[in-house]
Amino acid sequence: MNGDTLTKSERWFTLPEMTAAYLNARSQEILTAALALFAEKGFEHTSMADIAAAAGTSIGAV
């Protein structure tokens, strides 16, 4: 389907394509943030919310 054949409500729910390169880069950013926090606070004292905030993303993306 292309954007011309979608209704307004269907276009609202259509997400942009995410390339493998983008997803890999984002995963690396999250891992880098997590490792930095583990070194600073320790694994046991680092929350998903801490990692998400440091990576600039949502908890769901972590």
C-alpha atoms as a PDB file:
ATOM      1  CA  MET A   1       0.000   0.000   0.000  1.00  0.00           C
ATOM      2  CA  ASN A   2       1.209   3.463  -0.707  1.00  0.00           C
ATOM      3  CA  GLY A   3       0.275   6.673   1.100  1.00  0.00           C
ATOM      4  CA  ASP A   4      -2.114   7.731  -1.678  1.00  0.00           C
ATOM      5  CA  THR A   5      -4.466   4.784  -1.118  1.00  0.00           C
ATOM      6  CA  LEU A   6      -4.684   5.055   2.669  1.00  0.00           C
ATOM      7  CA  THR A   7      -7.479   6.860   4.462  1.00  0.00           C
ATOM      8  CA  LYS A   8      -6.641   9.661   6.877  1.00  0.00           C
ATOM      9  CA  SER A   9      -7.039   7.363   9.901  1.00  0.00           C
ATOM     10  CA  GLU A  10      -4.883   4.659   8.301  1.00  0.00           C
ATOM     11  CA  ARG A  11      -2.096   7.179   7.587  1.00  0.00           C
ATOM     12  CA  TRP A  12      -2.179   8.286  11.234  1.00  0.00           C
ATOM     13  CA  PHE A  13      -1.419   4.714  12.350  1.00  0.00           C
ATOM     14  CA  THR A  14       1.244   4.018   9.724  1.00  0.00           C
ATOM     15  CA  LEU A  15       4.731   3.995  11.208  1.00  0.00           C
ATOM     16  CA  PRO A  16       7.792   4.985   9.223  1.00  0.00           C
ATOM     17  CA  GLU A  17      10.025   2.141   8.086  1.00  0.00           C
ATOM     18  CA  MET A  18      12.934   1.508  10.388  1.00  0.00           C
ATOM     19  CA  THR A  19      16.034   0.172   8.719  1.00  0.00           C
ATOM     20  CA  ALA A  20      18.215  -2.497  10.256  1.00  0.00           C
ATOM     21  CA  ALA A  21      21.005   0.072  10.505  1.00  0.00           C
ATOM     22  CA  TYR A  22      18.785   2.453  12.489  1.00  0.00           C
ATOM     23  CA  LEU A  23      17.619  -0.319  14.842  1.00  0.00           C
ATOM     24  CA  ASN A  24      21.191  -1.532  15.380  1.00  0.00           C
ATOM     25  CA  ALA A  25      22.408   1.999  16.109  1.00  0.00           C
ATOM     26  CA  ARG A  26      19.556   2.593  18.554  1.00  0.00           C
ATOM     27  CA  SER A  27      20.256  -0.714  20.307  1.00  0.00           C
ATOM     28  CA  GLN A  28      23.912   0.288  20.624  1.00  0.00           C
ATOM     29  CA  GLU A  29      22.925   3.643  22.157  1.00  0.00           C
ATOM     30  CA  ILE A  30      20.742   1.882  24.738  1.00  0.00           C
ATOM     31  CA  LEU A  31      23.490  -0.627  25.574  1.00  0.00           C
ATOM     32  CA  THR A  32      26.068   2.137  25.917  1.00  0.00           C
ATOM     33  CA  ALA A  33      23.777   4.051  28.289  1.00  0.00           C
ATOM     34  CA  ALA A  34      23.116   0.898  30.312  1.00  0.00           C
ATOM     35  CA  LEU A  35      26.789   0.031  30.656  1.00  0.00           C
ATOM     36  CA  ALA A  36      27.643   3.563  31.777  1.00  0.00           C
ATOM     37  CA  LEU A  37      24.922   3.425  34.431  1.00  0.00           C
ATOM     38  CA  PHE A  38      25.991  -0.041  35.589  1.00  0.00           C
ATOM     39  CA  ALA A  39      29.538   1.283  36.079  1.00  0.00           C
ATOM     40  CA  GLU A  40      28.267   4.365  37.914  1.00  0.00           C
ATOM     41  CA  LYS A  41      25.440   2.934  40.058  1.00  0.00           C
ATOM     42  CA  GLY A  42      25.922  -0.812  39.877  1.00  0.00           C
ATOM     43  CA  PHE A  43      23.647  -3.320  38.157  1.00  0.00           C
ATOM     44  CA  GLU A  44      21.389  -3.819  41.189  1.00  0.00           C
ATOM     45  CA  HIS A  45      20.728  -0.084  41.558  1.00  0.00           C
ATOM     46  CA  THR A  46      20.029   0.698  37.892  1.00  0.00           C
ATOM     47  CA  SER A  47      16.405   0.686  36.761  1.00  0.00           C
ATOM     48  CA  MET A  48      14.901   0.405  33.307  1.00  0.00           C
ATOM     49  CA  ALA A  49      13.681   3.980  33.784  1.00  0.00           C
ATOM     50  CA  ASP A  50      17.274   5.098  34.440  1.00  0.00           C
ATOM     51  CA  ILE A  51      18.461   3.427  31.234  1.00  0.00           C
ATOM     52  CA  ALA A  52      15.589   4.831  29.181  1.00  0.00           C
ATOM     53  CA  ALA A  53      16.228   8.360  30.453  1.00  0.00           C
ATOM     54  CA  ALA A  54      19.970   8.120  29.793  1.00  0.00           C
ATOM     55  CA  ALA A  55      19.340   6.779  26.276  1.00  0.00           C
ATOM     56  CA  GLY A  56      16.664   9.386  25.558  1.00  0.00           C
ATOM     57  CA  THR A  57      13.951   6.847  24.856  1.00  0.00           C
ATOM     58  CA  SER A  58      10.878   5.286  26.443  1.00  0.00           C
ATOM     59  CA  ILE A  59      10.928   2.358  28.869  1.00  0.00           C
ATOM     60  CA  GLY A  60       9.098   0.304  26.244  1.00  0.00           C
ATOM     61  CA  ALA A  61      11.989   0.747  23.823  1.00  0.00           C
ATOM     62  CA  VAL A  62      14.423  -0.582  26.401  1.00  0.00           C
END
